[in-house]
Amino acid sequence: MKKNSLLVISAGVLWGLLGVFSRLLAAVGFDSAGVLIVRCGIAALFFGVTLLVRDPGMFKVRLRDFWCFFGAGICSLLLFTYCYIQTIAVTSLSTAAVLLYTAPSMVMLMSLFIFRERLTVSKVLALLLAFAGCCLVSGLGTDESALSAFGLICGLLSGFGYALYSIFARLAMDRGYSSLTVNFYSCLLAALGASAIWGSYSAVRLMFTGWENFLLCLATGVITCYMPYLLYTKGLSGMEAGRASIMASIEPVVATVAGIVVFREKLTLAGGCGVALVLAAIVILNLKHKAKS
């Protein structure tokens, strides 16, 4: 498997843990906005330190390109994170994840027009397998997956916001910016935007209430934001946005396993088949990629 593929898949694995951390934070008093602020704020801090160590010159951004970072930070990261956490609060981790993973189809369609990416048979097949797998994993269509209109809307908005990140991040990197620069400003703008809309006092106060809360917030920012965005954006720089988005669909599988292990959520036979379909989609994309290399 190519290095870029491994980076993207690893990012999907870490993103799959977001549901676990958001529920743990909710248990100690954080609301959706609070989780967003500490997650993105801590990640922005780590990306800032990384830039200082690597090359402070990478902080520089041309004003005419600011819209790329605004799109990645506000239109994508803020929207996706807030809506995804809201969805997790009203449904299972696996159902929230499958709604989030309407994103690859959106990325693929937008990439056709923006980046002129080819719509190949392997991409379409992988997309269908991945989405079918996510549906089976989530149990959509069964009584256990009963979903409110609010949950459905938040879930679909999380998918849309998630899709936009691949687009805006790719546009920024095509203009010569490093993945670190893209990630730093995306996380910073998302944290500042959420603070401006909902206020940050409550989240900061809860974070410093005790060392347990502080360590939980730190782990949330590093494990579910800093590391996966570092890996994903690096991998995205060497592959098509549509392909990367489908490969990251390992996330619902991880979210499902995490829900079973941590919160005792059930895995049905259909869910197990769904896991296999998602993995098959990733294999198909990598086999096709290998054949072309």
C-alpha atoms as a PDB file:
ATOM      1  CA  MET A   1       0.000   0.000   0.000  1.00  0.00           C
ATOM      2  CA  LYS A   2       1.299   3.456  -0.941  1.00  0.00           C
ATOM      3  CA  LYS A   3       2.470   5.845   1.789  1.00  0.00           C
ATOM      4  CA  ASN A   4      -0.227   8.430   1.002  1.00  0.00           C
ATOM      5  CA  SER A   5      -2.937   5.777   1.310  1.00  0.00           C
ATOM      6  CA  LEU A   6      -1.623   4.732   4.717  1.00  0.00           C
ATOM      7  CA  LEU A   7      -1.616   8.356   5.877  1.00  0.00           C
ATOM      8  CA  VAL A   8      -5.244   8.882   4.845  1.00  0.00           C
ATOM      9  CA  ILE A   9      -6.430   5.581   6.349  1.00  0.00           C
ATOM     10  CA  SER A  10      -4.591   6.334   9.607  1.00  0.00           C
ATOM     11  CA  ALA A  11      -6.361   9.699   9.733  1.00  0.00           C
ATOM     12  CA  GLY A  12      -9.720   7.949   9.302  1.00  0.00           C
ATOM     13  CA  VAL A  13      -8.907   5.609  12.191  1.00  0.00           C
ATOM     14  CA  LEU A  14      -8.155   8.526  14.525  1.00  0.00           C
ATOM     15  CA  TRP A  15     -11.233  10.475  13.394  1.00  0.00           C
ATOM     16  CA  GLY A  16     -13.291   7.416  14.251  1.00  0.00           C
ATOM     17  CA  LEU A  17     -12.455   8.023  17.921  1.00  0.00           C
ATOM     18  CA  LEU A  18     -14.061  11.477  17.970  1.00  0.00           C
ATOM     19  CA  GLY A  19     -17.412  10.080  19.076  1.00  0.00           C
ATOM     20  CA  VAL A  20     -15.851   8.434  22.112  1.00  0.00           C
ATOM     21  CA  PHE A  21     -14.038  11.580  23.202  1.00  0.00           C
ATOM     22  CA  SER A  22     -17.025  13.859  22.582  1.00  0.00           C
ATOM     23  CA  ARG A  23     -19.241  11.652  24.747  1.00  0.00           C
ATOM     24  CA  LEU A  24     -16.623  11.567  27.502  1.00  0.00           C
ATOM     25  CA  LEU A  25     -16.410  15.365  27.387  1.00  0.00           C
ATOM     26  CA  ALA A  26     -20.209  15.645  27.405  1.00  0.00           C
ATOM     27  CA  ALA A  27     -20.252  13.514  30.547  1.00  0.00           C
ATOM     28  CA  VAL A  28     -18.197  16.141  32.395  1.00  0.00           C
ATOM     29  CA  GLY A  29     -20.293  19.075  31.198  1.00  0.00           C
ATOM     30  CA  PHE A  30     -19.065  20.112  27.749  1.00  0.00           C
ATOM     31  CA  ASP A  31     -21.674  20.996  25.137  1.00  0.00           C
ATOM     32  CA  SER A  32     -21.119  20.628  21.372  1.00  0.00           C
ATOM     33  CA  ALA A  33     -19.612  24.105  21.024  1.00  0.00           C
ATOM     34  CA  GLY A  34     -17.303  23.493  23.981  1.00  0.00           C
ATOM     35  CA  VAL A  35     -15.996  20.266  22.475  1.00  0.00           C
ATOM     36  CA  LEU A  36     -15.391  22.078  19.175  1.00  0.00           C
ATOM     37  CA  ILE A  37     -13.512  24.933  20.840  1.00  0.00           C
ATOM     38  CA  VAL A  38     -11.151  22.794  22.921  1.00  0.00           C
ATOM     39  CA  ARG A  39     -10.609  20.262  20.110  1.00  0.00           C
ATOM     40  CA  CYS A  40      -9.735  22.795  17.431  1.00  0.00           C
ATOM     41  CA  GLY A  41      -8.056  25.232  19.812  1.00  0.00           C
ATOM     42  CA  ILE A  42      -5.628  22.650  21.161  1.00  0.00           C
ATOM     43  CA  ALA A  43      -4.941  21.353  17.648  1.00  0.00           C
ATOM     44  CA  ALA A  44      -4.240  24.911  16.444  1.00  0.00           C
ATOM     45  CA  LEU A  45      -1.763  25.342  19.314  1.00  0.00           C
ATOM     46  CA  PHE A  46       0.068  22.146  18.351  1.00  0.00           C
ATOM     47  CA  PHE A  47       0.103  23.082  14.659  1.00  0.00           C
ATOM     48  CA  GLY A  48       1.430  26.532  15.601  1.00  0.00           C
ATOM     49  CA  VAL A  49       4.282  25.026  17.611  1.00  0.00           C
ATOM     50  CA  THR A  50       5.038  22.631  14.750  1.00  0.00           C
ATOM     51  CA  LEU A  51       5.252  25.553  12.309  1.00  0.00           C
ATOM     52  CA  LEU A  52       7.575  27.458  14.653  1.00  0.00           C
ATOM     53  CA  VAL A  53       9.915  24.480  14.839  1.00  0.00           C
ATOM     54  CA  ARG A  54       9.790  23.641  11.130  1.00  0.00           C
ATOM     55  CA  ASP A  55       9.784  27.081   9.509  1.00  0.00           C
ATOM     56  CA  PRO A  56       8.137  30.251  10.936  1.00  0.00           C
ATOM     57  CA  GLY A  57       7.931  31.560   7.385  1.00  0.00           C
ATOM     58  CA  MET A  58       5.087  29.105   6.754  1.00  0.00           C
ATOM     59  CA  PHE A  59       2.793  31.308   8.852  1.00  0.00           C
ATOM     60  CA  LYS A  60       2.729  33.784   5.986  1.00  0.00           C
ATOM     61  CA  VAL A  61      -0.491  33.820   3.951  1.00  0.00           C
ATOM     62  CA  ARG A  62      -1.341  36.009   0.981  1.00  0.00           C
ATOM     63  CA  LEU A  63      -4.488  38.059   1.570  1.00  0.00           C
ATOM     64  CA  ARG A  64      -5.951  37.048  -1.795  1.00  0.00           C
ATOM     65  CA  ASP A  65      -5.809  33.387  -0.697  1.00  0.00           C
ATOM     66  CA  PHE A  66      -7.485  33.912   2.679  1.00  0.00           C
ATOM     67  CA  TRP A  67     -10.798  32.589   1.352  1.00  0.00           C
ATOM     68  CA  CYS A  68      -9.276  29.097   1.082  1.00  0.00           C
ATOM     69  CA  PHE A  69      -8.454  29.067   4.793  1.00  0.00           C
ATOM     70  CA  PHE A  70     -11.794  30.623   5.733  1.00  0.00           C
ATOM     71  CA  GLY A  71     -13.541  27.894   3.769  1.00  0.00           C
ATOM     72  CA  ALA A  72     -11.498  25.109   5.371  1.00  0.00           C
ATOM     73  CA  GLY A  73     -11.825  26.533   8.884  1.00  0.00           C
ATOM     74  CA  ILE A  74     -15.317  28.054   9.099  1.00  0.00           C
ATOM     75  CA  CYS A  75     -17.334  26.507   6.263  1.00  0.00           C
ATOM     76  CA  SER A  76     -15.833  23.062   6.799  1.00  0.00           C
ATOM     77  CA  LEU A  77     -14.183  22.331  10.146  1.00  0.00           C
ATOM     78  CA  LEU A  78     -16.525  24.426  12.305  1.00  0.00           C
ATOM     79  CA  LEU A  79     -19.704  23.272  10.519  1.00  0.00           C
ATOM     80  CA  PHE A  80     -18.670  19.613  10.331  1.00  0.00           C
ATOM     81  CA  THR A  81     -17.474  19.295  13.935  1.00  0.00           C
ATOM     82  CA  TYR A  82     -20.447  21.062  15.509  1.00  0.00           C
ATOM     83  CA  CYS A  83     -23.053  19.167  13.478  1.00  0.00           C
ATOM     84  CA  TYR A  84     -21.302  15.814  13.930  1.00  0.00           C
ATOM     85  CA  ILE A  85     -21.166  16.205  17.715  1.00  0.00           C
ATOM     86  CA  GLN A  86     -24.834  17.216  17.734  1.00  0.00           C
ATOM     87  CA  THR A  87     -25.674  14.084  15.725  1.00  0.00           C
ATOM     88  CA  ILE A  88     -23.689  11.879  18.113  1.00  0.00           C
ATOM     89  CA  ALA A  89     -25.735  13.298  20.996  1.00  0.00           C
ATOM     90  CA  VAL A  90     -29.050  12.088  19.506  1.00  0.00           C
ATOM     91  CA  THR A  91     -28.085   8.799  17.849  1.00  0.00           C
ATOM     92  CA  SER A  92     -25.498   5.995  17.889  1.00  0.00           C
ATOM     93  CA  LEU A  93     -21.870   6.539  16.869  1.00  0.00           C
ATOM     94  CA  SER A  94     -22.293   4.290  13.827  1.00  0.00           C
ATOM     95  CA  THR A  95     -25.413   6.114  12.564  1.00  0.00           C
ATOM     96  CA  ALA A  96     -23.711   9.495  13.015  1.00  0.00           C
ATOM     97  CA  ALA A  97     -20.708   8.160  11.107  1.00  0.00           C
ATOM     98  CA  VAL A  98     -22.736   6.913   8.128  1.00  0.00           C
ATOM     99  CA  LEU A  99     -24.455  10.289   7.769  1.00  0.00           C
ATOM    100  CA  LEU A 100     -21.043  11.928   7.921  1.00  0.00           C
ATOM    101  CA  TYR A 101     -19.880   9.628   5.140  1.00  0.00           C
ATOM    102  CA  THR A 102     -22.250  10.997   2.583  1.00  0.00           C
ATOM    103  CA  ALA A 103     -19.168  13.211   2.167  1.00  0.00           C
ATOM    104  CA  PRO A 104     -17.186  11.087  -0.346  1.00  0.00           C
ATOM    105  CA  SER A 105     -19.934  11.324  -2.959  1.00  0.00           C
ATOM    106  CA  MET A 106     -20.033  15.103  -2.476  1.00  0.00           C
ATOM    107  CA  VAL A 107     -16.244  15.338  -2.745  1.00  0.00           C
ATOM    108  CA  MET A 108     -16.224  13.209  -5.879  1.00  0.00           C
ATOM    109  CA  LEU A 109     -18.875  15.338  -7.610  1.00  0.00           C
ATOM    110  CA  MET A 110     -17.248  18.645  -6.640  1.00  0.00           C
ATOM    111  CA  SER A 111     -13.826  17.346  -7.704  1.00  0.00           C
ATOM    112  CA  LEU A 112     -15.163  16.570 -11.173  1.00  0.00           C
ATOM    113  CA  PHE A 113     -15.805  20.262 -11.767  1.00  0.00           C
ATOM    114  CA  ILE A 114     -13.137  21.930  -9.609  1.00  0.00           C
ATOM    115  CA  PHE A 115     -10.104  19.691 -10.140  1.00  0.00           C
ATOM    116  CA  ARG A 116     -11.222  17.921 -13.329  1.00  0.00           C
ATOM    117  CA  GLU A 117     -10.693  14.557 -11.642  1.00  0.00           C
ATOM    118  CA  ARG A 118     -11.775  11.567 -13.713  1.00  0.00           C
ATOM    119  CA  LEU A 119     -14.838   9.569 -12.665  1.00  0.00           C
ATOM    120  CA  THR A 120     -13.522   6.027 -13.100  1.00  0.00           C
ATOM    121  CA  VAL A 121     -15.300   2.699 -12.701  1.00  0.00           C
ATOM    122  CA  SER A 122     -13.116   1.804  -9.691  1.00  0.00           C
ATOM    123  CA  LYS A 123     -14.016   5.064  -7.937  1.00  0.00           C
ATOM    124  CA  VAL A 124     -17.752   4.593  -8.466  1.00  0.00           C
ATOM    125  CA  LEU A 125     -17.595   0.949  -7.367  1.00  0.00           C
ATOM    126  CA  ALA A 126     -15.557   1.833  -4.279  1.00  0.00           C
ATOM    127  CA  LEU A 127     -17.932   4.674  -3.434  1.00  0.00           C
ATOM    128  CA  LEU A 128     -20.992   2.420  -3.694  1.00  0.00           C
ATOM    129  CA  LEU A 129     -19.351  -0.310  -1.615  1.00  0.00           C
ATOM    130  CA  ALA A 130     -18.206   2.162   1.033  1.00  0.00           C
ATOM    131  CA  PHE A 131     -21.608   3.836   1.350  1.00  0.00           C
ATOM    132  CA  ALA A 132     -23.477   0.520   1.375  1.00  0.00           C
ATOM    133  CA  GLY A 133     -21.086  -0.669   4.043  1.00  0.00           C
ATOM    134  CA  CYS A 134     -21.661   2.442   6.137  1.00  0.00           C
ATOM    135  CA  CYS A 135     -25.445   1.954   5.841  1.00  0.00           C
ATOM    136  CA  LEU A 136     -25.173  -1.658   7.010  1.00  0.00           C
ATOM    137  CA  VAL A 137     -22.874  -0.688   9.859  1.00  0.00           C
ATOM    138  CA  SER A 138     -25.276   2.007  11.043  1.00  0.00           C
ATOM    139  CA  GLY A 139     -28.356  -0.211  10.812  1.00  0.00           C
ATOM    140  CA  LEU A 140     -30.255   2.386   8.813  1.00  0.00           C
ATOM    141  CA  GLY A 141     -33.749   1.213   8.023  1.00  0.00           C
ATOM    142  CA  THR A 142     -34.135  -0.780  11.248  1.00  0.00           C
ATOM    143  CA  ASP A 143     -36.042   0.130  14.382  1.00  0.00           C
ATOM    144  CA  GLU A 144     -32.747   0.544  16.246  1.00  0.00           C
ATOM    145  CA  SER A 145     -31.684   3.335  13.945  1.00  0.00           C
ATOM    146  CA  ALA A 146     -34.768   5.511  14.449  1.00  0.00           C
ATOM    147  CA  LEU A 147     -33.577   9.011  13.638  1.00  0.00           C
ATOM    148  CA  SER A 148     -35.198  12.370  14.271  1.00  0.00           C
ATOM    149  CA  ALA A 149     -35.392  15.058  11.612  1.00  0.00           C
ATOM    150  CA  PHE A 150     -32.944  17.111  13.681  1.00  0.00           C
ATOM    151  CA  GLY A 151     -30.456  14.241  13.786  1.00  0.00           C
ATOM    152  CA  LEU A 152     -30.795  13.637  10.047  1.00  0.00           C
ATOM    153  CA  ILE A 153     -30.250  17.302   9.146  1.00  0.00           C
ATOM    154  CA  CYS A 154     -27.260  17.638  11.483  1.00  0.00           C
ATOM    155  CA  GLY A 155     -25.793  14.418  10.119  1.00  0.00           C
ATOM    156  CA  LEU A 156     -26.093  15.496   6.492  1.00  0.00           C
ATOM    157  CA  LEU A 157     -24.675  18.950   7.291  1.00  0.00           C
ATOM    158  CA  SER A 158     -21.720  17.271   8.985  1.00  0.00           C
ATOM    159  CA  GLY A 159     -21.125  15.322   5.776  1.00  0.00           C
ATOM    160  CA  PHE A 160     -21.304  18.474   3.678  1.00  0.00           C
ATOM    161  CA  GLY A 161     -18.884  20.312   5.952  1.00  0.00           C
ATOM    162  CA  TYR A 162     -16.533  17.345   5.962  1.00  0.00           C
ATOM    163  CA  ALA A 163     -16.583  17.216   2.155  1.00  0.00           C
ATOM    164  CA  LEU A 164     -15.677  20.887   1.907  1.00  0.00           C
ATOM    165  CA  TYR A 165     -12.419  20.348   3.800  1.00  0.00           C
ATOM    166  CA  SER A 166     -10.964  18.143   1.066  1.00  0.00           C
ATOM    167  CA  ILE A 167     -11.879  20.802  -1.491  1.00  0.00           C
ATOM    168  CA  PHE A 168     -10.630  23.918   0.313  1.00  0.00           C
ATOM    169  CA  ALA A 169      -7.486  22.221   1.655  1.00  0.00           C
ATOM    170  CA  ARG A 170      -6.602  20.979  -1.825  1.00  0.00           C
ATOM    171  CA  LEU A 171      -7.204  24.459  -3.300  1.00  0.00           C
ATOM    172  CA  ALA A 172      -4.888  26.003  -0.686  1.00  0.00           C
ATOM    173  CA  MET A 173      -2.141  23.451  -1.309  1.00  0.00           C
ATOM    174  CA  ASP A 174      -2.451  23.952  -5.065  1.00  0.00           C
ATOM    175  CA  ARG A 175      -1.580  27.593  -4.354  1.00  0.00           C
ATOM    176  CA  GLY A 176       1.704  26.545  -2.763  1.00  0.00           C
ATOM    177  CA  TYR A 177       0.834  26.357   0.950  1.00  0.00           C
ATOM    178  CA  SER A 178       2.065  23.474   3.080  1.00  0.00           C
ATOM    179  CA  SER A 179      -0.329  21.058   4.767  1.00  0.00           C
ATOM    180  CA  LEU A 180       0.837  22.431   8.144  1.00  0.00           C
ATOM    181  CA  THR A 181      -0.145  25.974   7.170  1.00  0.00           C
ATOM    182  CA  VAL A 182      -3.559  24.812   5.978  1.00  0.00           C
ATOM    183  CA  ASN A 183      -4.192  22.850   9.159  1.00  0.00           C
ATOM    184  CA  PHE A 184      -3.028  25.628  11.492  1.00  0.00           C
ATOM    185  CA  TYR A 185      -5.297  28.303  10.041  1.00  0.00           C
ATOM    186  CA  SER A 186      -8.211  25.906   9.583  1.00  0.00           C
ATOM    187  CA  CYS A 187      -8.158  24.868  13.257  1.00  0.00           C
ATOM    188  CA  LEU A 188      -7.481  28.411  14.481  1.00  0.00           C
ATOM    189  CA  LEU A 189     -10.356  29.922  12.498  1.00  0.00           C
ATOM    190  CA  ALA A 190     -12.723  27.129  13.574  1.00  0.00           C
ATOM    191  CA  ALA A 191     -11.872  27.674  17.261  1.00  0.00           C
ATOM    192  CA  LEU A 192     -12.124  31.472  16.980  1.00  0.00           C
ATOM    193  CA  GLY A 193     -15.348  31.247  14.999  1.00  0.00           C
ATOM    194  CA  ALA A 194     -16.964  28.941  17.547  1.00  0.00           C
ATOM    195  CA  SER A 195     -15.790  31.195  20.388  1.00  0.00           C
ATOM    196  CA  ALA A 196     -17.280  34.257  18.687  1.00  0.00           C
ATOM    197  CA  ILE A 197     -20.623  32.509  18.104  1.00  0.00           C
ATOM    198  CA  TRP A 198     -21.093  30.576  21.369  1.00  0.00           C
ATOM    199  CA  GLY A 199     -18.463  31.991  23.733  1.00  0.00           C
ATOM    200  CA  SER A 200     -15.448  30.157  25.129  1.00  0.00           C
ATOM    201  CA  TYR A 201     -15.585  30.943  28.862  1.00  0.00           C
ATOM    202  CA  SER A 202     -17.515  27.827  29.869  1.00  0.00           C
ATOM    203  CA  ALA A 203     -15.294  25.501  27.826  1.00  0.00           C
ATOM    204  CA  VAL A 204     -12.059  27.006  29.169  1.00  0.00           C
ATOM    205  CA  ARG A 205     -13.347  26.930  32.757  1.00  0.00           C
ATOM    206  CA  LEU A 206     -14.323  23.258  32.467  1.00  0.00           C
ATOM    207  CA  MET A 207     -10.989  22.410  30.858  1.00  0.00           C
ATOM    208  CA  PHE A 208      -9.067  23.721  33.871  1.00  0.00           C
ATOM    209  CA  THR A 209     -11.462  22.408  36.521  1.00  0.00           C
ATOM    210  CA  GLY A 210      -9.160  19.461  37.236  1.00  0.00           C
ATOM    211  CA  TRP A 211      -6.237  17.575  35.745  1.00  0.00           C
ATOM    212  CA  GLU A 212      -8.576  14.807  34.504  1.00  0.00           C
ATOM    213  CA  ASN A 213     -10.550  17.303  32.428  1.00  0.00           C
ATOM    214  CA  PHE A 214      -7.369  18.937  31.175  1.00  0.00           C
ATOM    215  CA  LEU A 215      -5.847  15.639  30.047  1.00  0.00           C
ATOM    216  CA  LEU A 216      -9.118  14.598  28.400  1.00  0.00           C
ATOM    217  CA  CYS A 217      -9.262  17.883  26.457  1.00  0.00           C
ATOM    218  CA  LEU A 218      -5.604  17.551  25.495  1.00  0.00           C
ATOM    219  CA  ALA A 219      -6.128  14.010  24.255  1.00  0.00           C
ATOM    220  CA  THR A 220      -9.210  15.075  22.287  1.00  0.00           C
ATOM    221  CA  GLY A 221      -7.315  17.849  20.506  1.00  0.00           C
ATOM    222  CA  VAL A 222      -4.239  15.770  19.736  1.00  0.00           C
ATOM    223  CA  ILE A 223      -5.789  12.387  18.898  1.00  0.00           C
ATOM    224  CA  THR A 224      -8.942  13.453  17.042  1.00  0.00           C
ATOM    225  CA  CYS A 225      -7.768  16.686  15.391  1.00  0.00           C
ATOM    226  CA  TYR A 226      -4.031  17.454  15.337  1.00  0.00           C
ATOM    227  CA  MET A 227      -2.792  13.998  14.338  1.00  0.00           C
ATOM    228  CA  PRO A 228      -5.536  13.014  11.851  1.00  0.00           C
ATOM    229  CA  TYR A 229      -5.534  16.364  10.015  1.00  0.00           C
ATOM    230  CA  LEU A 230      -1.741  16.260   9.918  1.00  0.00           C
ATOM    231  CA  LEU A 231      -1.892  12.790   8.355  1.00  0.00           C
ATOM    232  CA  TYR A 232      -4.883  13.423   6.049  1.00  0.00           C
ATOM    233  CA  THR A 233      -3.709  16.695   4.570  1.00  0.00           C
ATOM    234  CA  LYS A 234      -0.234  15.259   4.008  1.00  0.00           C
ATOM    235  CA  GLY A 235      -1.761  12.268   2.241  1.00  0.00           C
ATOM    236  CA  LEU A 236      -4.147  14.492   0.287  1.00  0.00           C
ATOM    237  CA  SER A 237      -1.202  16.399  -1.186  1.00  0.00           C
ATOM    238  CA  GLY A 238      -0.259  13.295  -3.173  1.00  0.00           C
ATOM    239  CA  MET A 239      -3.618  11.921  -4.307  1.00  0.00           C
ATOM    240  CA  GLU A 240      -6.996  12.908  -5.725  1.00  0.00           C
ATOM    241  CA  ALA A 241      -9.473  14.408  -3.260  1.00  0.00           C
ATOM    242  CA  GLY A 242     -12.206  11.937  -4.203  1.00  0.00           C
ATOM    243  CA  ARG A 243      -9.938   8.920  -3.673  1.00  0.00           C
ATOM    244  CA  ALA A 244      -8.737  10.237  -0.294  1.00  0.00           C
ATOM    245  CA  SER A 245     -12.272  10.876   0.912  1.00  0.00           C
ATOM    246  CA  ILE A 246     -13.363   7.318   0.130  1.00  0.00           C
ATOM    247  CA  MET A 247     -10.287   5.818   1.808  1.00  0.00           C
ATOM    248  CA  ALA A 248     -11.024   7.753   4.981  1.00  0.00           C
ATOM    249  CA  SER A 249     -14.376   5.909   5.152  1.00  0.00           C
ATOM    250  CA  ILE A 250     -12.604   3.503   7.503  1.00  0.00           C
ATOM    251  CA  GLU A 251     -13.804   6.030  10.112  1.00  0.00           C
ATOM    252  CA  PRO A 252     -17.349   4.576  10.498  1.00  0.00           C
ATOM    253  CA  VAL A 253     -15.839   1.136  11.047  1.00  0.00           C
ATOM    254  CA  VAL A 254     -13.654   2.492  13.855  1.00  0.00           C
ATOM    255  CA  ALA A 255     -16.579   4.477  15.282  1.00  0.00           C
ATOM    256  CA  THR A 256     -18.692   1.309  15.304  1.00  0.00           C
ATOM    257  CA  VAL A 257     -16.002  -0.770  17.007  1.00  0.00           C
ATOM    258  CA  ALA A 258     -15.447   2.023  19.539  1.00  0.00           C
ATOM    259  CA  GLY A 259     -19.177   2.165  20.244  1.00  0.00           C
ATOM    260  CA  ILE A 260     -19.236  -1.596  20.865  1.00  0.00           C
ATOM    261  CA  VAL A 261     -16.163  -1.641  23.095  1.00  0.00           C
ATOM    262  CA  VAL A 262     -16.740   1.551  25.087  1.00  0.00           C
ATOM    263  CA  PHE A 263     -20.521   2.083  25.097  1.00  0.00           C
ATOM    264  CA  ARG A 264     -21.764  -1.500  24.598  1.00  0.00           C
ATOM    265  CA  GLU A 265     -23.502  -0.689  21.318  1.00  0.00           C
ATOM    266  CA  LYS A 266     -24.544  -3.801  19.371  1.00  0.00           C
ATOM    267  CA  LEU A 267     -22.956  -5.102  16.160  1.00  0.00           C
ATOM    268  CA  THR A 268     -25.359  -7.118  14.012  1.00  0.00           C
ATOM    269  CA  LEU A 269     -24.547  -9.534  11.195  1.00  0.00           C
ATOM    270  CA  ALA A 270     -25.440  -6.761   8.751  1.00  0.00           C
ATOM    271  CA  GLY A 271     -23.011  -4.468  10.564  1.00  0.00           C
ATOM    272  CA  GLY A 272     -20.238  -7.012  10.201  1.00  0.00           C
ATOM    273  CA  CYS A 273     -20.968  -7.258   6.465  1.00  0.00           C
ATOM    274  CA  GLY A 274     -20.849  -3.465   6.297  1.00  0.00           C
ATOM    275  CA  VAL A 275     -17.392  -3.419   7.829  1.00  0.00           C
ATOM    276  CA  ALA A 276     -16.239  -5.892   5.161  1.00  0.00           C
ATOM    277  CA  LEU A 277     -17.674  -3.723   2.354  1.00  0.00           C
ATOM    278  CA  VAL A 278     -15.866  -0.606   3.577  1.00  0.00           C
ATOM    279  CA  LEU A 279     -12.591  -2.498   3.740  1.00  0.00           C
ATOM    280  CA  ALA A 280     -13.245  -3.913   0.252  1.00  0.00           C
ATOM    281  CA  ALA A 281     -13.713  -0.389  -1.104  1.00  0.00           C
ATOM    282  CA  ILE A 282     -10.332   0.654   0.284  1.00  0.00           C
ATOM    283  CA  VAL A 283      -8.671  -2.430  -1.213  1.00  0.00           C
ATOM    284  CA  ILE A 284     -10.191  -1.725  -4.650  1.00  0.00           C
ATOM    285  CA  LEU A 285      -8.870   1.836  -4.677  1.00  0.00           C
ATOM    286  CA  ASN A 286      -5.393   0.725  -3.682  1.00  0.00           C
ATOM    287  CA  LEU A 287      -5.275  -2.097  -6.234  1.00  0.00           C
ATOM    288  CA  LYS A 288      -6.272   0.318  -8.981  1.00  0.00           C
ATOM    289  CA  HIS A 289      -3.752   2.866  -7.764  1.00  0.00           C
ATOM    290  CA  LYS A 290      -0.999   0.245  -7.712  1.00  0.00           C
ATOM    291  CA  ALA A 291      -1.818  -0.865 -11.235  1.00  0.00           C
ATOM    292  CA  LYS A 292      -1.366   2.704 -12.505  1.00  0.00           C
ATOM    293  CA  SER A 293       1.895   3.344 -10.645  1.00  0.00           C
END
